[in-house]
Structures are given as C-alpha cells and as structure tokens.
Protein backbone atom coordinates (compact mmCIF):
# COMPACT_ATOMS: atom_id res chain seq x y z
CA MET A 1 -9.93 -94.13 150.73
CA VAL A 2 -13.03 -94.13 152.93
CA ASP A 3 -13.00 -91.97 156.08
CA ARG A 4 -13.59 -93.99 159.22
CA ALA A 5 -14.19 -93.04 162.79
CA PRO A 6 -11.09 -93.31 165.01
CA GLY A 7 -10.81 -96.78 166.49
CA GLU A 8 -13.24 -98.35 164.03
CA ARG A 9 -12.02 -101.85 163.29
CA GLY A 10 -13.10 -105.37 162.65
CA SER A 11 -13.61 -107.80 165.48
CA PHE A 12 -13.85 -111.51 166.17
CA ASP A 13 -17.28 -113.04 166.84
CA ALA A 14 -16.24 -115.37 169.66
CA PRO A 15 -19.80 -116.47 170.61
CA SER A 16 -20.56 -117.59 167.04
CA PHE A 17 -17.19 -119.34 166.81
CA PHE A 18 -17.87 -121.15 170.07
CA ALA A 19 -21.34 -122.19 168.85
CA ALA A 20 -19.83 -123.66 165.66
CA LEU A 21 -17.10 -125.39 167.66
CA ASP A 22 -19.73 -126.81 170.03
CA ALA A 23 -21.79 -128.09 167.09
CA GLU A 24 -18.71 -129.83 165.68
CA ARG A 25 -17.89 -131.27 169.10
CA GLU A 26 -21.39 -132.69 169.41
CA ALA A 27 -21.34 -134.06 165.86
CA ARG A 28 -18.14 -135.94 166.70
CA GLY A 29 -19.49 -137.17 170.03
CA ARG A 30 -16.66 -135.59 172.01
CA ASN A 31 -16.57 -133.91 175.39
CA TRP A 32 -14.66 -130.67 175.97
CA LYS A 33 -11.71 -132.45 177.59
CA GLN A 34 -11.31 -134.57 174.44
CA VAL A 35 -11.56 -131.46 172.24
CA ALA A 36 -8.81 -129.78 174.26
CA GLU A 37 -6.57 -132.85 174.02
CA GLN A 38 -7.18 -133.47 170.32
CA ALA A 39 -6.85 -129.82 169.31
CA GLY A 40 -3.81 -129.25 171.53
CA VAL A 41 -5.29 -126.40 173.57
CA SER A 42 -5.87 -125.99 177.29
CA GLN A 43 -9.23 -126.67 178.86
CA SER A 44 -9.12 -123.12 180.25
CA THR A 45 -9.02 -121.81 176.66
CA LEU A 46 -12.30 -123.60 175.99
CA THR A 47 -13.78 -122.29 179.25
CA ARG A 48 -12.86 -118.72 178.28
CA LEU A 49 -14.46 -119.26 174.85
CA ALA A 50 -17.63 -120.50 176.54
CA GLN A 51 -17.66 -117.23 178.50
CA GLY A 52 -17.55 -115.22 175.25
CA LYS A 53 -13.86 -114.36 175.42
CA ARG A 54 -11.55 -114.52 172.43
CA PRO A 55 -8.86 -117.18 172.09
CA ASP A 56 -5.21 -116.33 171.53
CA VAL A 57 -4.08 -116.69 167.93
CA ASP A 58 -2.33 -120.05 168.41
CA SER A 59 -5.37 -121.55 170.13
CA LEU A 60 -7.61 -120.16 167.40
CA ALA A 61 -5.43 -121.78 164.75
CA ALA A 62 -5.48 -125.12 166.59
CA LEU A 63 -9.25 -125.06 167.05
CA VAL A 64 -10.11 -124.09 163.47
CA ASP A 65 -7.76 -126.84 162.31
CA TRP A 66 -9.39 -129.41 164.58
CA ALA A 67 -12.93 -128.40 163.65
CA GLY A 68 -12.34 -127.77 159.95
CA LEU A 69 -13.66 -124.22 160.32
CA LYS A 70 -12.43 -121.00 158.70
CA ALA A 71 -11.47 -118.27 161.15
CA ASP A 72 -12.33 -115.65 158.55
CA ASP A 73 -15.99 -116.68 158.77
CA TYR A 74 -16.07 -115.25 162.32
CA VAL A 75 -14.55 -111.85 161.58
CA ILE A 76 -17.01 -108.98 161.78
CA ARG A 77 -15.83 -106.61 159.09
CA VAL A 78 -16.04 -102.84 158.88
CA HIS A 79 -14.01 -102.67 155.67
CA GLN A 80 -16.23 -104.91 153.56
CA ASN A 81 -16.13 -102.81 150.42
CA GLU A 82 -12.36 -102.59 150.24
CA PRO A 83 -10.80 -105.41 148.23
CA ALA A 84 -7.65 -107.04 149.51
CA ASN A 85 -4.40 -105.80 148.10
CA PRO A 86 -3.31 -108.12 145.25
CA LEU A 87 0.25 -108.33 146.59
CA ALA A 88 -1.02 -109.35 150.03
CA MET A 89 -3.16 -112.07 148.46
CA ILE A 90 -0.26 -113.37 146.35
CA SER A 91 2.04 -113.36 149.37
CA THR A 92 -0.49 -115.39 151.33
CA TYR A 93 -0.82 -117.96 148.56
CA LEU A 94 2.94 -118.29 148.12
CA LYS A 95 3.55 -118.72 151.86
CA SER A 96 0.84 -121.37 152.14
CA ASP A 97 2.08 -123.39 149.13
CA ARG A 98 3.36 -126.69 150.53
CA ASN A 99 5.51 -127.15 147.43
CA LEU A 100 7.67 -124.16 148.33
CA THR A 101 10.16 -123.73 151.12
CA PRO A 102 9.82 -120.51 153.12
CA GLU A 103 12.94 -119.23 151.37
CA ALA A 104 11.56 -120.03 147.92
CA ALA A 105 8.26 -118.34 148.75
CA ALA A 106 10.11 -115.23 149.94
CA ALA A 107 12.22 -115.16 146.76
CA LEU A 108 9.14 -115.48 144.55
CA GLU A 109 7.38 -112.80 146.56
CA LYS A 110 10.26 -110.38 145.91
CA VAL A 111 10.16 -111.10 142.18
CA VAL A 112 6.39 -110.66 141.99
CA LYS A 113 6.49 -107.45 144.05
CA ALA A 114 9.22 -105.91 141.91
CA THR A 115 7.43 -106.86 138.69
CA TYR A 116 4.09 -105.61 139.99
CA GLU A 117 5.56 -102.27 141.06
CA ALA A 118 7.26 -101.85 137.67
CA LEU A 119 4.11 -102.65 135.68
CA ARG A 120 1.20 -101.29 137.70
CA GLN A 121 -0.63 -98.28 136.43
CA ASN A 122 -0.79 -95.34 138.81
C-alpha cells in the first residue's frame, strides 16, 4: 500500500464537466432551460455548475445520461497506480446487467465472492 498524506483524495473537475456539457448543449442547439427540462434537473443546478460548483450525485447522473458523457472522465485521481479490486469490478458489472434482477445480481455476487475468497492466492 502506498502512503498518502492525510486528506489526500480524488476530486471532481466541475469546470471541465460544465465545459463538456455546454459543448453538448450547443451541438444540440438547446438553451439551458431546455437542458434542465430534458435532463430532469433544476435550472439552479446548472447555474451552480456554471459557477464551478459540483452537482449532487443524482443531478450528475441525470446530466451524464442526457449528454452521453462518462462521469469518470471528470474525476481527478490521486490513486492512479492502484488497480480496482476485481470483486468491486465484478459487482459493478453484475449490478449493471439489465438481464439480471437486483436479487439475482446479489446472489451471483455472493457466489463469486465466496469462490474468489476460497481460490485466491495470499
């Protein structure tokens, strides 16, 4: 494990996200009121973004969905050299699989986790 300074963490690049959102808005020929309506967010959320403030998680999800952006592209990372935990990645894929109910994804996750723990090399 790499030693890090206390409080060192990743952050969200709200100005870059807003710039990308603005570019998409212009490409679609929309005004900000239309973006708010179509994305399902308040106009004040867009105003705060324009001021460099971060959106709440639900607004972020709605805006990346509307614009076809990836939120991960706007995360400034401090842990770049640390790969994601395989179980976390599998869990994410299972939960996002539209062919599985939430219950089925949870059941598969338990099976995979138990098998992984039994077989992994320490």
